[in-house]
Protein backbone atom coordinates (compact mmCIF):
# COMPACT_ATOMS: atom_id res chain seq x y z
CA UNK A 1 -25.15 -1.94 -14.71
CA UNK A 2 -22.61 0.77 -15.54
CA UNK A 3 -19.61 -0.04 -17.72
CA UNK A 4 -16.26 1.02 -16.29
CA UNK A 5 -12.79 0.96 -17.85
CA UNK A 6 -9.74 0.91 -15.59
CA UNK A 7 -6.30 1.79 -16.96
CA UNK A 8 -3.46 0.69 -14.69
CA UNK A 9 0.23 -0.04 -15.03
CA UNK A 10 0.46 -3.80 -14.42
CA UNK A 11 -1.11 -6.50 -12.22
CA UNK A 12 -0.53 -5.50 -8.58
CA UNK A 13 -1.30 -7.74 -5.63
CA UNK A 14 -3.09 -4.95 -3.78
CA UNK A 15 -5.41 -4.04 -6.67
CA UNK A 16 -6.63 -7.53 -7.56
CA UNK A 17 -9.17 -7.84 -4.69
CA UNK A 18 -10.61 -4.42 -5.60
CA UNK A 19 -11.00 -5.39 -9.25
CA UNK A 20 -12.65 -8.72 -8.37
CA UNK A 21 -15.13 -6.96 -6.10
CA UNK A 22 -15.82 -4.19 -8.60
CA UNK A 23 -16.59 -6.80 -11.26
CA UNK A 24 -19.51 -7.95 -9.10
CA UNK A 25 -21.23 -4.55 -9.16
CA UNK A 26 -20.17 -2.93 -12.47
CA UNK A 27 -19.38 -4.14 -15.99
CA UNK A 28 -15.62 -3.88 -15.55
CA UNK A 29 -12.74 -4.13 -17.99
CA UNK A 30 -9.17 -3.55 -16.82
CA UNK A 31 -6.47 -2.47 -19.27
CA UNK A 32 -2.89 -3.29 -18.23
CA UNK A 33 -0.14 -1.17 -19.78
CA UNK A 34 2.81 -3.47 -19.13
CA UNK A 35 3.60 -7.14 -18.55
CA UNK A 36 5.92 -7.09 -15.55
CA UNK A 37 8.12 -10.19 -15.59
CA UNK A 38 10.46 -11.54 -12.93
CA UNK A 39 13.35 -9.43 -14.20
CA UNK A 40 11.16 -6.34 -13.90
CA UNK A 41 10.47 -7.19 -10.25
CA UNK A 42 14.21 -7.37 -9.64
CA UNK A 43 14.73 -4.00 -11.31
CA UNK A 44 11.96 -2.53 -9.14
CA UNK A 45 14.14 -2.99 -6.05
CA UNK A 46 13.41 -6.52 -4.84
CA UNK A 47 16.90 -7.64 -5.86
CA UNK A 48 15.73 -11.00 -7.25
CA UNK A 49 13.45 -12.37 -9.93
CA UNK A 50 10.10 -13.82 -8.89
CA UNK A 51 6.39 -13.94 -9.65
CA UNK A 52 3.71 -13.27 -7.05
CA UNK A 53 2.30 -16.53 -5.69
CA UNK A 54 -1.31 -15.39 -5.33
CA UNK A 55 -3.79 -14.99 -8.22
CA UNK A 56 -3.73 -11.48 -9.68
CA UNK A 57 -5.90 -11.94 -12.78
CA UNK A 58 -8.79 -14.07 -11.57
CA UNK A 59 -12.36 -12.86 -11.22
CA UNK A 60 -12.49 -9.92 -13.63
CA UNK A 61 -12.13 -9.17 -17.35
CA UNK A 62 -8.82 -7.67 -18.47
CA UNK A 63 -6.80 -6.91 -21.56
CA UNK A 64 -3.08 -6.42 -22.15
CA UNK A 65 -2.34 -3.23 -24.05
CA UNK A 66 0.45 -3.19 -26.61
CA UNK A 67 3.30 -1.24 -25.03
CA UNK A 68 5.36 0.34 -27.83
CA UNK A 69 7.84 2.08 -25.50
CA UNK A 70 11.48 1.50 -26.58
CA UNK A 71 12.35 0.56 -22.97
CA UNK A 72 9.17 -0.85 -21.40
CA UNK A 73 8.91 -0.17 -17.66
CA UNK A 74 6.49 1.02 -14.99
CA UNK A 75 9.15 3.09 -13.24
CA UNK A 76 9.36 6.06 -15.62
CA UNK A 77 6.90 8.16 -17.62
CA UNK A 78 8.11 6.97 -21.02
CA UNK A 79 8.11 3.29 -20.02
CA UNK A 80 4.42 2.79 -20.87
CA UNK A 81 3.25 4.00 -24.27
CA UNK A 82 -0.06 2.44 -25.35
CA UNK A 83 -1.72 4.60 -28.02
CA UNK A 84 -4.33 1.94 -28.82
CA UNK A 85 -6.16 2.82 -25.59
CA UNK A 86 -7.86 5.70 -27.43
CA UNK A 87 -9.58 3.35 -29.91
CA UNK A 88 -10.47 0.83 -27.20
CA UNK A 89 -12.13 3.50 -25.09
CA UNK A 90 -13.94 4.91 -28.11
CA UNK A 91 -15.36 1.52 -29.14
CA UNK A 92 -15.97 0.05 -25.69
CA UNK A 93 -19.24 1.71 -24.74
CA UNK A 94 -17.89 2.78 -21.33
CA UNK A 95 -19.71 5.11 -18.95
CA UNK A 96 -16.44 6.24 -17.36
CA UNK A 97 -12.71 5.50 -17.19
CA UNK A 98 -10.61 5.24 -14.04
CA UNK A 99 -6.84 5.82 -14.25
CA UNK A 100 -4.29 5.00 -11.56
CA UNK A 101 -2.40 8.28 -11.68
CA UNK A 102 -0.69 10.46 -14.26
CA UNK A 103 2.95 9.43 -13.90
CA UNK A 104 2.92 7.19 -17.01
CA UNK A 105 2.45 8.27 -20.62
CA UNK A 106 -0.29 5.63 -20.93
CA UNK A 107 -2.34 7.38 -18.25
CA UNK A 108 -2.07 10.72 -20.04
CA UNK A 109 -3.07 9.00 -23.29
CA UNK A 110 -6.15 7.57 -21.59
CA UNK A 111 -7.09 10.94 -20.04
CA UNK A 112 -6.75 12.75 -23.36
CA UNK A 113 -8.83 10.09 -25.12
CA UNK A 114 -11.57 10.47 -22.53
CA UNK A 115 -11.59 14.24 -22.91
CA UNK A 116 -11.92 13.86 -26.69
CA UNK A 117 -14.81 11.41 -26.17
CA UNK A 118 -16.38 13.52 -23.39
CA UNK A 119 -16.14 10.46 -21.17
CA UNK A 120 -15.90 11.07 -17.41
CA UNK A 121 -12.43 10.45 -15.94
CA UNK A 122 -11.88 9.18 -12.39
CA UNK A 123 -8.47 8.96 -10.77
CA UNK A 124 -7.19 6.97 -7.82
CA UNK A 125 -3.69 7.78 -6.63
CA UNK A 126 -1.87 8.14 -3.32
CA UNK A 127 0.37 11.20 -3.65
CA UNK A 128 0.74 13.42 -0.58
CA UNK A 129 2.51 16.61 0.39
CA UNK A 130 5.03 15.03 2.78
CA UNK A 131 6.92 13.28 -0.02
CA UNK A 132 10.40 14.88 -0.08
CA UNK A 133 10.71 17.31 -3.02
CA UNK A 134 12.92 20.30 -3.70
CA UNK A 135 11.32 23.71 -3.47
CA UNK A 136 12.03 24.31 -7.15
CA UNK A 137 10.37 21.07 -8.21
CA UNK A 138 7.35 21.76 -5.99
CA UNK A 139 6.91 25.23 -7.48
CA UNK A 140 7.33 23.97 -11.04
CA UNK A 141 4.63 21.32 -10.54
CA UNK A 142 2.03 23.51 -8.89
CA UNK A 143 0.29 25.15 -11.85
CA UNK A 144 0.27 22.17 -14.25
CA UNK A 145 -0.83 19.79 -11.49
CA UNK A 146 -3.53 22.21 -10.36
CA UNK A 147 -4.82 22.49 -13.93
CA UNK A 148 -4.84 18.72 -14.54
CA UNK A 149 -6.33 17.58 -11.26
CA UNK A 150 -9.11 20.17 -11.33
CA UNK A 151 -10.08 19.03 -14.84
CA UNK A 152 -10.75 15.43 -13.81
CA UNK A 153 -14.33 14.54 -12.97
CA UNK A 154 -13.76 12.68 -9.69
CA UNK A 155 -10.92 11.58 -7.43
CA UNK A 156 -10.89 8.46 -5.27
CA UNK A 157 -8.69 9.45 -2.36
CA UNK A 158 -7.05 6.64 -0.38
CA UNK A 159 -6.51 8.47 2.90
CA UNK A 160 -6.37 11.84 4.61
CA UNK A 161 -2.89 12.81 3.39
CA UNK A 162 -3.94 12.07 -0.20
CA UNK A 163 -7.13 14.11 0.30
CA UNK A 164 -5.10 17.08 1.60
CA UNK A 165 -2.83 16.81 -1.45
CA UNK A 166 -5.79 17.01 -3.84
CA UNK A 167 -7.30 19.93 -1.93
CA UNK A 168 -3.91 21.70 -2.08
CA UNK A 169 -4.13 21.54 -5.87
CA UNK A 170 -7.64 22.95 -5.91
CA UNK A 171 -9.84 19.87 -6.24
CA UNK A 172 -13.31 20.68 -4.91
CA UNK A 173 -14.72 18.62 -2.05
CA UNK A 174 -17.67 17.45 -4.14
CA UNK A 175 -15.22 15.68 -6.47
CA UNK A 176 -13.54 13.73 -3.65
CA UNK A 177 -14.68 10.20 -2.74
CA UNK A 178 -13.10 7.96 -0.11
CA UNK A 179 -11.83 4.67 -1.56
CA UNK A 180 -9.16 3.64 0.95
CA UNK A 181 -6.00 1.70 0.39
CA UNK A 182 -6.62 -1.80 1.71
CA UNK A 183 -5.40 -5.37 1.59
CA UNK A 184 -7.34 -8.62 1.73
CA UNK A 185 -7.88 -8.33 5.48
CA UNK A 186 -9.61 -11.70 5.79
CA UNK A 187 -6.87 -13.60 3.96
CA UNK A 188 -4.14 -12.09 6.11
CA UNK A 189 -6.04 -12.52 9.39
CA UNK A 190 -6.99 -16.12 8.71
CA UNK A 191 -3.51 -17.08 7.46
CA UNK A 192 -1.88 -15.48 10.50
CA UNK A 193 -4.24 -17.36 12.80
CA UNK A 194 -3.29 -20.62 11.08
CA UNK A 195 0.42 -19.78 11.42
CA UNK A 196 0.01 -19.25 15.16
CA UNK A 197 -2.07 -22.41 15.63
CA UNK A 198 0.20 -24.64 13.53
CA UNK A 199 3.42 -23.58 15.19
CA UNK A 200 4.84 -21.98 12.03
CA UNK A 201 5.02 -18.59 13.71
CA UNK A 202 6.70 -20.05 16.81
CA UNK A 203 9.23 -21.82 14.58
CA UNK A 204 10.19 -18.55 12.91
CA UNK A 205 10.58 -16.87 16.30
CA UNK A 206 12.81 -19.73 17.42
CA UNK A 207 14.91 -19.40 14.26
CA UNK A 208 15.39 -15.75 15.16
CA UNK A 209 16.51 -16.69 18.67
CA UNK A 210 13.46 -15.15 20.33
CA UNK A 211 11.73 -16.59 23.37
CA UNK A 212 7.90 -16.73 23.26
CA UNK A 213 7.47 -13.67 25.49
CA UNK A 214 10.22 -11.41 24.13
CA UNK A 215 8.94 -8.47 22.02
CA UNK A 216 9.67 -9.06 18.34
CA UNK A 217 9.80 -6.10 15.95
CA UNK A 218 9.41 -6.54 12.20
CA UNK A 219 10.68 -4.64 9.17
CA UNK A 220 9.09 -5.82 5.90
CA UNK A 221 10.00 -4.29 2.57
CA UNK A 222 12.58 -3.77 -0.13
CA UNK A 223 16.10 -3.32 1.18
CA UNK A 224 16.72 0.01 -0.52
CA UNK A 225 18.03 3.28 0.85
CA UNK A 226 14.79 5.22 1.32
CA UNK A 227 13.19 2.40 3.33
CA UNK A 228 15.82 3.02 6.06
CA UNK A 229 16.12 -0.50 7.41
CA UNK A 230 19.44 0.75 8.83
CA UNK A 231 17.49 2.97 11.25
CA UNK A 232 15.59 -0.11 12.41
CA UNK A 233 18.85 -1.99 13.00
CA UNK A 234 20.42 0.89 14.93
CA UNK A 235 17.35 1.26 17.15
CA UNK A 236 17.37 -2.48 17.91
CA UNK A 237 21.07 -2.34 18.75
CA UNK A 238 20.46 0.59 21.07
CA UNK A 239 17.63 -1.18 22.86
CA UNK A 240 19.72 -4.30 23.35
CA UNK A 241 22.66 -2.23 24.62
CA UNK A 242 20.36 -0.57 27.14
CA UNK A 243 19.45 -3.97 28.55
CA UNK A 244 16.11 -4.54 26.80
CA UNK A 245 15.47 -8.10 25.64
CA UNK A 246 14.02 -7.49 22.19
CA UNK A 247 14.41 -9.13 18.78
CA UNK A 248 13.99 -8.05 15.19
CA UNK A 249 13.02 -9.62 11.88
CA UNK A 250 13.96 -8.15 8.52
CA UNK A 251 11.83 -9.64 5.76
CA UNK A 252 12.82 -8.63 2.26
CA UNK A 253 15.62 -8.40 -0.25
CA UNK A 254 17.28 -5.71 -2.28
CA UNK A 255 20.58 -4.06 -3.19
CA UNK A 256 21.35 -2.95 0.39
CA UNK A 257 21.06 -6.41 1.94
CA UNK A 258 24.79 -7.13 2.27
CA UNK A 259 25.50 -3.73 3.82
CA UNK A 260 22.61 -4.13 6.28
CA UNK A 261 23.80 -7.57 7.36
CA UNK A 262 27.24 -6.12 7.93
CA UNK A 263 25.81 -3.23 9.95
CA UNK A 264 23.79 -5.61 12.13
CA UNK A 265 26.88 -7.71 12.81
CA UNK A 266 29.02 -4.68 13.63
CA UNK A 267 26.46 -3.26 16.06
CA UNK A 268 25.46 -6.58 17.56
CA UNK A 269 21.83 -5.92 16.72
CA UNK A 270 19.48 -8.78 17.63
CA UNK A 271 18.03 -9.11 14.15
CA UNK A 272 17.28 -12.10 11.92
CA UNK A 273 17.20 -11.75 8.12
CA UNK A 274 14.67 -14.01 6.40
CA UNK A 275 15.32 -12.91 2.83
CA UNK A 276 12.50 -12.39 0.36
CA UNK A 277 9.10 -13.83 1.25
CA UNK A 278 6.25 -14.01 -1.23
CA UNK A 279 2.68 -12.94 -0.49
CA UNK A 280 1.44 -16.32 0.75
CA UNK A 281 4.38 -16.49 3.19
CA UNK A 282 3.98 -13.03 4.72
CA UNK A 283 1.25 -13.88 7.27
CA UNK A 284 3.68 -16.27 9.00
CA UNK A 285 6.14 -13.39 9.38
CA UNK A 286 3.49 -11.08 10.80
CA UNK A 287 2.23 -13.80 13.14
CA UNK A 288 5.77 -14.32 14.45
CA UNK A 289 6.16 -10.63 15.27
CA UNK A 290 4.56 -8.28 17.81
CA UNK A 291 4.94 -4.89 16.10
CA UNK A 292 5.73 -3.60 12.61
CA UNK A 293 8.24 -0.79 12.08
CA UNK A 294 8.05 1.33 8.90
CA UNK A 295 11.02 3.75 9.03
CA UNK A 296 10.89 5.04 5.41
CA UNK A 297 11.89 8.62 4.63
CA UNK A 298 9.65 8.52 1.54
CA UNK A 299 6.47 6.40 1.44
CA UNK A 300 3.28 7.23 -0.46
CA UNK A 301 1.27 4.90 1.83
CA UNK A 302 2.92 1.75 3.19
CA UNK A 303 0.54 -1.14 2.64
CA UNK A 304 2.67 -3.33 4.90
CA UNK A 305 0.97 -1.42 7.73
CA UNK A 306 -2.42 -2.65 6.49
CA UNK A 307 -1.07 -6.18 6.22
CA UNK A 308 0.41 -6.12 9.72
CA UNK A 309 -2.75 -4.68 11.27
CA UNK A 310 -4.89 -7.26 9.47
CA UNK A 311 -2.73 -9.83 11.29
CA UNK A 312 -3.30 -8.04 14.63
CA UNK A 313 -0.05 -6.05 14.97
CA UNK A 314 0.37 -2.41 16.00
CA UNK A 315 2.83 -0.33 13.98
CA UNK A 316 5.49 2.32 14.48
CA UNK A 317 5.49 4.49 11.36
CA UNK A 318 7.59 7.45 10.24
CA UNK A 319 5.60 10.65 9.91
CA UNK A 320 6.16 10.90 6.14
CA UNK A 321 4.24 7.70 5.39
CA UNK A 322 0.91 8.38 3.73
CA UNK A 323 -0.83 5.89 6.02
CA UNK A 324 0.32 7.51 9.27
CA UNK A 325 -2.62 9.88 9.75
CA UNK A 326 -5.19 7.24 8.86
CA UNK A 327 -3.95 4.09 10.55
CA UNK A 328 -1.96 5.27 13.56
CA UNK A 329 -3.79 6.42 16.67
CA UNK A 330 -1.06 7.25 19.17
CA UNK A 331 -0.91 4.69 21.93
CA UNK A 332 -3.87 2.74 20.53
CA UNK A 333 -2.80 1.29 17.18
CA UNK A 334 0.85 2.32 17.41
CA UNK A 335 3.05 5.39 17.21
CA UNK A 336 4.57 7.80 14.72
CA UNK A 337 7.96 9.48 14.92
CA UNK A 338 9.96 11.99 12.82
CA UNK A 339 11.42 10.27 9.76
CA UNK A 340 15.14 9.67 10.19
CA UNK A 341 14.98 10.23 13.95
CA UNK A 342 16.68 7.12 15.31
CA UNK A 343 16.49 8.23 18.99
CA UNK A 344 12.76 8.83 18.61
CA UNK A 345 12.29 5.45 16.91
CA UNK A 346 14.22 3.80 19.73
CA UNK A 347 11.95 5.55 22.26
CA UNK A 348 8.75 4.40 20.48
CA UNK A 349 10.02 0.83 20.27
CA UNK A 350 10.86 0.89 23.96
CA UNK A 351 7.34 2.10 24.77
CA UNK A 352 5.77 -0.69 22.71
CA UNK A 353 8.06 -3.27 24.30
CA UNK A 354 7.08 -2.10 27.80
CA UNK A 355 3.39 -2.29 27.02
CA UNK A 356 3.67 -5.74 25.45
CA UNK A 357 5.63 -7.02 28.44
CA UNK A 358 2.72 -5.94 30.64
CA UNK A 359 -0.06 -7.14 28.34
CA UNK A 360 0.48 -9.07 25.10
CA UNK A 361 -2.98 -8.00 23.87
CA UNK A 362 -2.62 -4.30 24.67
CA UNK A 363 -3.13 -3.17 21.07
CA UNK A 364 -5.35 -5.96 19.74
CA UNK A 365 -8.84 -4.44 19.90
CA UNK A 366 -7.98 -0.92 18.65
CA UNK A 367 -5.98 -2.42 15.77
CA UNK A 368 -8.84 -4.69 14.76
CA UNK A 369 -11.33 -1.84 14.84
CA UNK A 370 -9.06 0.48 12.87
CA UNK A 371 -8.18 -1.89 10.04
CA UNK A 372 -11.84 -2.89 9.59
CA UNK A 373 -12.48 0.62 8.21
CA UNK A 374 -9.77 0.16 5.55
CA UNK A 375 -11.30 -2.72 3.67
CA UNK A 376 -12.59 -3.61 0.24
CA UNK A 377 -16.22 -2.75 0.88
CA UNK A 378 -15.31 0.86 1.74
CA UNK A 379 -13.36 1.18 -1.53
CA UNK A 380 -16.29 -0.23 -3.49
CA UNK A 381 -18.76 2.20 -1.90
CA UNK A 382 -16.48 5.15 -2.72
CA UNK A 383 -16.01 4.00 -6.30
CA UNK A 384 -19.74 3.59 -6.87
CA UNK A 385 -20.47 6.98 -5.32
CA UNK A 386 -17.94 8.58 -7.69
CA UNK A 387 -19.50 6.81 -10.67
CA UNK A 388 -22.94 7.98 -9.61
CA UNK A 389 -21.67 11.57 -9.43
CA UNK A 390 -20.12 11.61 -12.90
CA UNK A 391 -22.44 9.38 -14.95
CA UNK A 392 -26.21 9.83 -15.19
CA UNK A 393 -26.57 6.15 -16.15
CA UNK A 394 -25.32 4.95 -12.78
CA UNK A 395 -27.93 4.25 -10.13
CA UNK A 396 -27.62 6.06 -6.79
CA UNK A 397 -25.62 4.15 -4.20
CA UNK A 398 -27.30 3.11 -0.97
CA UNK A 399 -24.34 2.11 1.28
CA UNK A 400 -26.48 -0.24 3.34
CA UNK A 401 -27.40 -2.12 0.14
CA UNK A 402 -23.84 -2.36 -1.14
CA UNK A 403 -22.29 -5.86 -1.00
CA UNK A 404 -19.84 -6.32 1.85
CA UNK A 405 -16.52 -7.77 0.71
CA UNK A 406 -14.73 -7.95 4.09
CA UNK A 407 -15.85 -9.53 7.32
CA UNK A 408 -13.95 -7.13 9.58
CA UNK A 409 -15.16 -5.95 12.99
CA UNK A 410 -17.35 -2.84 12.42
CA UNK A 411 -17.64 -1.83 16.07
């Protein structure tokens, strides 16, 4: 069994299932650069202190690195400084090291240590070319990024936009391995089914003033400027003014919450604010809704789309979201629209509402088939294939013999 080190910023709810599954097929040790406390979550844009209410550290071996940064944080390059990673990699007997990007000093420290040790380096990130950047900044990054990314041994790309980004910077196809962004599809699907059966989803709809057959649109995320919840509110208000009976849920908290509530009241938008909801509570929110809306003007992926689709919902996604090309098939699993284009968002929401009024299950089968491809087992296969390519000690991967970690529909 190969021995793999993973260097990542802090425990993240979306990475934990991947680490648990990896630990079943490789000798895994995860190194966390920072202990994110409740105050750190508030500073990250949630607007309140909290801890995630699902297990993030179970099922795999991990170690906390000593972060010597003067101002510890995962939001800036200098916020994670963990020089001890060099000694730990040297003494750990690892076949390879996987880093979660290069935007933290700790990641660069790990990469440099691997180069000194001649240890293969894998990277899994989600950058893409549609992220808004100035022309000057884009030009300044090109040569150093091209040099760095081409000197890594393998890249685990999470989707097509991320793959195009890596190819733009000169990464050869033989160094690219598909390890998609995913959520725990089974947990979300089963929890949403329970919420529908128990009446919890119906109760949330009732609290929002929605009848059982009225289309309910959902925004889920931090209430910060670039998420553009205001676009969602304006589109809802326009639909209601045009005579459409629709409703909206806004699930989340953040610094813009008061202004968004005021905007909704001023426009008479039919929207209900739930406040922050932790991970175990989110399936109820998805089960209460009929369609997710992700209106961000900057979004590396948008894992709320995975969550919503795991619960059976289609999605309307701005065209700058990294997930748009992978998860949205126009008219089948949802729609895209130009980021910031409120009239176009309004039009897509109207189309979804019309289809749902005709058939409540119009999107169900395509959504289920799509999200089944973005699951843990696909990420495991890609990771093992990358390890095989960079380390002679790793056995070749036979996909049909790889353990399956999600029970999604494969049709």
